[in-house]
Amino acid sequence: MIQLLQALLLMVFPALVIVGGLKDITSFTIPNWISLGLIGGFLLAALALGLPWQTVLLMVGVGVGALFLSMGMFAMGWIGGGDAKMFAAAALWLGWPASMPFVLVTGLAGGALAVSLLGLRSVWIRPVAVRGPEWVGRLATPGGDAPYGVAIAIGALAAFPESPLAMAFAALP
């Protein structure tokens, strides 16, 4: 029964980052409840899995470092505020060393997102895209924002199996 609870708590992470990515691509916003849910879910999952306090503190340190990094990117206008918060909350779950592949895959996915948006916003595809759902039309607007939450979600999902939480669950008898 306890393993079922642990598994359900671990599912909070992929569920919320997927919802965050989908909300960002359809509305260019990531609601605060997603980042807050990630933080609360992390605390519950760490407690349920009995992570050593040193590991939890290191993961909190990674999350705080990611918050400073992402707020700097927000201040430069590179990402939105919701992206910055979701990036930091995801880094909290991922800890060390999974934060390294998280950053790498997020950067690569962000590059692929930028190239995709350039194609969508081209003079050939844009006229077709604007005939679709309203959110696709917004994505196809030249000079518009990029829903970077999608790249964050891809990076987070790719790195999650290497996180201390996932490894602690995999090591359970």
Protein backbone atom coordinates (compact mmCIF):
# COMPACT_ATOMS: atom_id res chain seq x y z
CA MET A 1 0.00 0.00 0.00
CA ILE A 2 2.82 2.40 0.86
CA GLN A 3 4.50 1.71 -2.50
CA LEU A 4 1.27 2.67 -4.26
CA LEU A 5 1.25 5.99 -2.39
CA GLN A 6 4.92 6.54 -3.26
CA ALA A 7 4.25 5.78 -6.93
CA LEU A 8 1.27 8.13 -6.99
CA LEU A 9 3.35 10.91 -5.42
CA LEU A 10 6.08 10.39 -8.03
CA MET A 11 3.47 10.73 -10.78
CA VAL A 12 2.77 14.29 -9.62
CA PHE A 13 5.97 15.43 -11.33
CA PRO A 14 5.37 14.20 -14.89
CA ALA A 15 1.68 15.10 -14.71
CA LEU A 16 2.32 18.69 -13.66
CA VAL A 17 5.19 19.38 -16.07
CA ILE A 18 3.09 18.00 -18.95
CA VAL A 19 0.15 20.19 -17.91
CA GLY A 20 2.53 23.15 -17.62
CA GLY A 21 3.87 22.58 -21.13
CA LEU A 22 0.37 22.20 -22.58
CA LYS A 23 -0.92 25.31 -20.79
CA ASP A 24 2.06 27.29 -22.08
CA ILE A 25 1.66 26.21 -25.70
CA THR A 26 -2.08 26.95 -25.70
CA SER A 27 -2.18 30.16 -23.63
CA PHE A 28 1.42 31.42 -23.23
CA THR A 29 0.98 31.19 -19.46
CA ILE A 30 1.95 28.68 -16.79
CA PRO A 31 -0.34 29.10 -13.79
CA ASN A 32 1.28 29.48 -10.38
CA TRP A 33 -0.62 26.46 -9.06
CA ILE A 34 1.55 24.22 -11.24
CA SER A 35 4.82 25.42 -9.69
CA LEU A 36 3.29 25.38 -6.21
CA GLY A 37 1.98 21.86 -6.82
CA LEU A 38 5.45 20.76 -7.87
CA ILE A 39 6.97 22.19 -4.68
CA GLY A 40 4.34 20.61 -2.43
CA GLY A 41 4.51 17.32 -4.30
CA PHE A 42 8.28 17.27 -3.92
CA LEU A 43 8.07 17.67 -0.17
CA LEU A 44 5.49 14.88 0.13
CA ALA A 45 7.40 12.55 -2.21
CA ALA A 46 10.72 13.12 -0.42
CA LEU A 47 9.05 12.40 2.91
CA ALA A 48 7.20 9.32 1.63
CA LEU A 49 10.37 7.89 0.08
CA GLY A 50 12.43 8.62 3.20
CA LEU A 51 15.16 10.52 1.38
CA PRO A 52 18.09 11.42 3.64
CA TRP A 53 17.95 15.06 4.76
CA GLN A 54 21.34 15.70 3.09
CA THR A 55 19.87 14.65 -0.26
CA VAL A 56 16.79 16.79 0.30
CA LEU A 57 18.96 19.81 1.18
CA LEU A 58 21.07 19.29 -1.95
CA MET A 59 17.91 19.10 -4.05
CA VAL A 60 16.59 22.29 -2.43
CA GLY A 61 19.95 23.94 -3.20
CA VAL A 62 19.66 22.90 -6.85
CA GLY A 63 16.12 24.31 -6.95
CA VAL A 64 17.23 27.62 -5.42
CA GLY A 65 20.16 27.84 -7.83
CA ALA A 66 17.80 27.17 -10.73
CA LEU A 67 15.47 29.88 -9.45
CA PHE A 68 18.28 32.44 -9.49
CA LEU A 69 19.37 31.31 -12.96
CA SER A 70 15.86 31.37 -14.37
CA MET A 71 15.01 34.73 -12.78
CA GLY A 72 18.11 36.11 -14.50
CA MET A 73 16.83 34.74 -17.81
CA PHE A 74 13.45 36.31 -17.04
CA ALA A 75 15.10 39.67 -16.26
CA MET A 76 16.88 39.51 -19.64
CA GLY A 77 13.55 38.88 -21.36
CA TRP A 78 14.58 35.43 -22.57
CA ILE A 79 11.78 33.51 -20.81
CA GLY A 80 8.53 34.36 -19.06
CA GLY A 81 7.89 34.40 -15.33
CA GLY A 82 5.88 31.18 -15.41
CA ASP A 83 8.70 29.49 -17.31
CA ALA A 84 11.20 30.64 -14.67
CA LYS A 85 9.09 29.30 -11.81
CA MET A 86 8.41 25.97 -13.52
CA PHE A 87 12.11 25.58 -14.38
CA ALA A 88 13.09 26.07 -10.73
CA ALA A 89 10.34 23.79 -9.41
CA ALA A 90 11.35 21.06 -11.86
CA ALA A 91 15.01 21.42 -10.86
CA LEU A 92 13.94 20.94 -7.24
CA TRP A 93 12.48 17.54 -8.14
CA LEU A 94 15.47 16.58 -10.25
CA GLY A 95 18.29 17.51 -7.89
CA TRP A 96 21.86 16.56 -8.55
CA PRO A 97 23.13 15.10 -10.92
CA ALA A 98 19.88 14.94 -12.96
CA SER A 99 19.84 18.74 -13.27
CA MET A 100 22.67 18.55 -15.80
CA PRO A 101 20.77 16.49 -18.41
CA PHE A 102 17.70 18.60 -17.57
CA VAL A 103 19.50 21.80 -18.58
CA LEU A 104 21.04 20.16 -21.68
CA VAL A 105 17.81 18.60 -22.98
CA THR A 106 15.82 21.74 -22.16
CA GLY A 107 18.28 23.82 -24.19
CA LEU A 108 18.14 21.40 -27.13
CA ALA A 109 14.34 21.25 -26.98
CA GLY A 110 14.24 25.05 -26.81
CA GLY A 111 16.34 25.22 -29.98
CA ALA A 112 14.03 22.76 -31.72
CA LEU A 113 11.05 24.80 -30.53
CA ALA A 114 12.57 27.99 -31.96
CA VAL A 115 13.22 26.35 -35.34
CA SER A 116 9.68 24.93 -35.36
CA LEU A 117 8.19 28.34 -34.58
CA LEU A 118 10.23 29.93 -37.36
CA GLY A 119 8.78 27.38 -39.76
CA LEU A 120 5.24 27.87 -38.45
CA ARG A 121 5.61 31.64 -38.78
CA SER A 122 6.93 31.44 -42.34
CA VAL A 123 5.03 33.01 -45.23
CA TRP A 124 4.18 29.52 -46.53
CA ILE A 125 2.78 27.88 -43.39
CA ARG A 126 1.34 30.82 -41.45
CA PRO A 127 -1.68 31.34 -43.76
CA VAL A 128 -2.70 27.72 -43.14
CA ALA A 129 -1.93 27.79 -39.41
CA VAL A 130 -4.13 30.80 -38.71
CA ARG A 131 -7.14 28.87 -40.02
CA GLY A 132 -6.77 26.38 -37.18
CA PRO A 133 -7.51 26.78 -33.48
CA GLU A 134 -6.93 30.23 -31.98
CA TRP A 135 -3.89 29.09 -30.00
CA VAL A 136 -2.19 27.86 -33.19
CA GLY A 137 -2.80 31.26 -34.74
CA ARG A 138 -1.11 32.90 -31.74
CA LEU A 139 1.87 30.55 -32.11
CA ALA A 140 2.08 31.48 -35.79
CA THR A 141 2.20 35.23 -35.11
CA PRO A 142 5.54 36.60 -36.37
CA GLY A 143 7.61 38.12 -33.59
CA GLY A 144 5.44 36.45 -30.95
CA ASP A 145 6.62 34.77 -27.79
CA ALA A 146 7.85 31.19 -27.56
CA PRO A 147 6.12 28.81 -25.14
CA TYR A 148 9.37 27.72 -23.47
CA GLY A 149 7.41 25.68 -20.92
CA VAL A 150 7.24 22.98 -23.61
CA ALA A 151 11.04 22.74 -23.71
CA ILE A 152 11.20 22.73 -19.90
CA ALA A 153 8.68 19.88 -19.77
CA ILE A 154 10.64 17.84 -22.33
CA GLY A 155 13.91 18.37 -20.44
CA ALA A 156 12.28 17.55 -17.10
CA LEU A 157 10.72 14.33 -18.38
CA ALA A 158 13.98 13.23 -19.99
CA ALA A 159 15.98 13.79 -16.78
CA PHE A 160 13.43 12.48 -14.26
CA PRO A 161 14.58 8.82 -14.29
CA GLU A 162 18.00 10.00 -13.05
CA SER A 163 16.59 12.00 -10.12
CA PRO A 164 17.24 10.90 -6.54
CA LEU A 165 13.48 10.47 -6.05
CA ALA A 166 13.08 8.12 -9.01
CA MET A 167 16.20 6.20 -8.03
CA ALA A 168 14.99 5.85 -4.42
CA PHE A 169 11.70 4.43 -5.70
CA ALA A 170 13.48 2.04 -8.06
CA ALA A 171 15.64 0.79 -5.18
CA LEU A 172 12.65 -0.14 -3.00
CA PRO A 173 12.29 -3.85 -2.26
